C-alpha atoms as a PDB file:
ATOM      1  CA  MET A   1      -5.733  16.877   5.643  1.00  0.00           C
ATOM      2  CA  VAL A   2      -5.262  20.638   5.465  1.00  0.00           C
ATOM      3  CA  LYS A   3      -6.375  22.990   8.233  1.00  0.00           C
ATOM      4  CA  ILE A   4      -8.340  26.019   6.988  1.00  0.00           C
ATOM      5  CA  SER A   5      -9.608  28.902   9.078  1.00  0.00           C
ATOM      6  CA  GLY A   6     -10.983  32.391   8.671  1.00  0.00           C
ATOM      7  CA  ASN A   7     -13.802  34.823   9.324  1.00  0.00           C
ATOM      8  CA  VAL A   8     -17.062  35.187   7.425  1.00  0.00           C
ATOM      9  CA  MET A   9     -18.243  38.788   7.267  1.00  0.00           C
ATOM     10  CA  SER A  10     -21.252  40.545   5.744  1.00  0.00           C
ATOM     11  CA  SER A  11     -20.937  43.211   3.075  1.00  0.00           C
ATOM     12  CA  ASP A  12     -21.082  45.836   5.849  1.00  0.00           C
ATOM     13  CA  ASN A  13     -18.186  44.139   7.683  1.00  0.00           C
ATOM     14  CA  GLN A  14     -20.272  42.492  10.418  1.00  0.00           C
ATOM     15  CA  PRO A  15     -19.478  38.909  11.502  1.00  0.00           C
ATOM     16  CA  LEU A  16     -21.941  36.288  10.254  1.00  0.00           C
ATOM     17  CA  VAL A  17     -22.858  33.806  12.995  1.00  0.00           C
ATOM     18  CA  GLY A  18     -24.051  30.293  12.136  1.00  0.00           C
ATOM     19  CA  VAL A  19     -22.723  30.049   8.582  1.00  0.00           C
ATOM     20  CA  THR A  20     -22.460  26.379   7.579  1.00  0.00           C
ATOM     21  CA  VAL A  21     -18.981  25.555   6.280  1.00  0.00           C
ATOM     22  CA  ILE A  22     -18.924  22.088   4.710  1.00  0.00           C
ATOM     23  CA  VAL A  23     -16.638  20.044   2.475  1.00  0.00           C
ATOM     24  CA  GLU A  24     -18.675  19.236  -0.638  1.00  0.00           C
ATOM     25  CA  GLY A  25     -19.549  15.543  -0.917  1.00  0.00           C
ATOM     26  CA  THR A  26     -18.677  14.740   2.714  1.00  0.00           C
ATOM     27  CA  VAL A  27     -20.058  15.099   6.221  1.00  0.00           C
ATOM     28  CA  LEU A  28     -17.047  17.203   7.279  1.00  0.00           C
ATOM     29  CA  GLY A  29     -18.155  20.626   8.396  1.00  0.00           C
ATOM     30  CA  THR A  30     -18.587  23.256  11.048  1.00  0.00           C
ATOM     31  CA  THR A  31     -20.460  26.509  11.696  1.00  0.00           C
ATOM     32  CA  THR A  32     -19.102  29.986  12.320  1.00  0.00           C
ATOM     33  CA  GLY A  33     -18.932  31.303  15.866  1.00  0.00           C
ATOM     34  CA  LEU A  34     -19.927  34.632  17.395  1.00  0.00           C
ATOM     35  CA  ASP A  35     -17.105  36.472  15.591  1.00  0.00           C
ATOM     36  CA  GLY A  36     -17.746  34.723  12.265  1.00  0.00           C
ATOM     37  CA  ASP A  37     -14.702  32.494  12.924  1.00  0.00           C
ATOM     38  CA  TYR A  38     -14.301  28.951  11.644  1.00  0.00           C
ATOM     39  CA  THR A  39     -11.579  26.280  11.623  1.00  0.00           C
ATOM     40  CA  LEU A  40     -11.835  23.006   9.732  1.00  0.00           C
ATOM     41  CA  SER A  41      -9.514  20.196   8.622  1.00  0.00           C
ATOM     42  CA  VAL A  42     -10.249  19.232   5.017  1.00  0.00           C
ATOM     43  CA  PRO A  43      -8.744  16.888   2.425  1.00  0.00           C
ATOM     44  CA  ALA A  44      -6.306  18.658   0.067  1.00  0.00           C
ATOM     45  CA  GLY A  45      -7.998  19.824  -3.144  1.00  0.00           C
ATOM     46  CA  SER A  46     -11.479  19.963  -1.586  1.00  0.00           C
ATOM     47  CA  VAL A  47     -14.367  22.243  -2.494  1.00  0.00           C
ATOM     48  CA  VAL A  48     -15.675  24.087   0.565  1.00  0.00           C
ATOM     49  CA  THR A  49     -19.222  25.484   0.621  1.00  0.00           C
ATOM     50  CA  PHE A  50     -20.358  28.400   2.800  1.00  0.00           C
ATOM     51  CA  SER A  51     -24.112  28.820   3.275  1.00  0.00           C
ATOM     52  CA  LEU A  52     -26.523  30.797   5.449  1.00  0.00           C
ATOM     53  CA  LEU A  53     -30.252  31.285   5.030  1.00  0.00           C
ATOM     54  CA  GLY A  54     -30.939  34.583   3.252  1.00  0.00           C
ATOM     55  CA  TYR A  55     -27.464  34.772   1.680  1.00  0.00           C
ATOM     56  CA  GLU A  56     -26.017  33.480  -1.579  1.00  0.00           C
ATOM     57  CA  THR A  57     -24.163  30.177  -1.160  1.00  0.00           C
ATOM     58  CA  LYS A  58     -20.460  30.421  -2.060  1.00  0.00           C
ATOM     59  CA  LYS A  59     -18.120  27.591  -3.087  1.00  0.00           C
ATOM     60  CA  PHE A  60     -14.336  27.736  -3.006  1.00  0.00           C
ATOM     61  CA  SER A  61     -11.937  25.184  -4.456  1.00  0.00           C
ATOM     62  CA  LEU A  62      -8.757  24.533  -2.495  1.00  0.00           C
ATOM     63  CA  LEU A  63      -7.122  22.936  -5.528  1.00  0.00           C
ATOM     64  CA  GLY A  64      -3.810  24.626  -6.180  1.00  0.00           C
ATOM     65  CA  TYR A  65      -3.597  26.409  -2.831  1.00  0.00           C
ATOM     66  CA  GLU A  66      -0.350  25.951  -0.955  1.00  0.00           C
ATOM     67  CA  THR A  67      -0.269  25.047   2.717  1.00  0.00           C
ATOM     68  CA  LYS A  68       1.475  27.372   5.158  1.00  0.00           C
ATOM     69  CA  LYS A  69       4.527  25.928   6.860  1.00  0.00           C
END
């Protein structure tokens, strides 16, 4: 498993609260907090989906990303 974390922000640099962050094809997921923060442990090479009602859903592949040591 690889730990990922970050902040989800709007186009006007405001934190987005309640964004669903889920590993595609699994039940692994979380939602963003009050500051748009999220942390999630995911299998290496996963596709992570970010979605929120009223916004375009975004998918990011972790294939090829290196883990920080």
